[in-house]
Amino acid sequence: MRWFAASLSVILCHGFLAAQDRPNILMIAVDDLQPMLSCYGDKRVQTPNFDRRAGS
């Protein structure tokens, strides 16, 4: 178990250091396929952060 934790920490540290020269990417994963966002016209849901993202 210690070997696994040590390996995982080395991989994560390497990933963070290597990512400094790459662009930032935001991935938003959802668990359903319904477009229930106010930027899609749904009046029941208020999603101001998604609305700002959709406007840019």
Foldseek 3Di string as FASTA:
>chain_A
DVVVVVVVVVVVVVVVVVCPPPDDDDDDDDDDDDPCEVCVPNPVDDDVVVNVVVVD
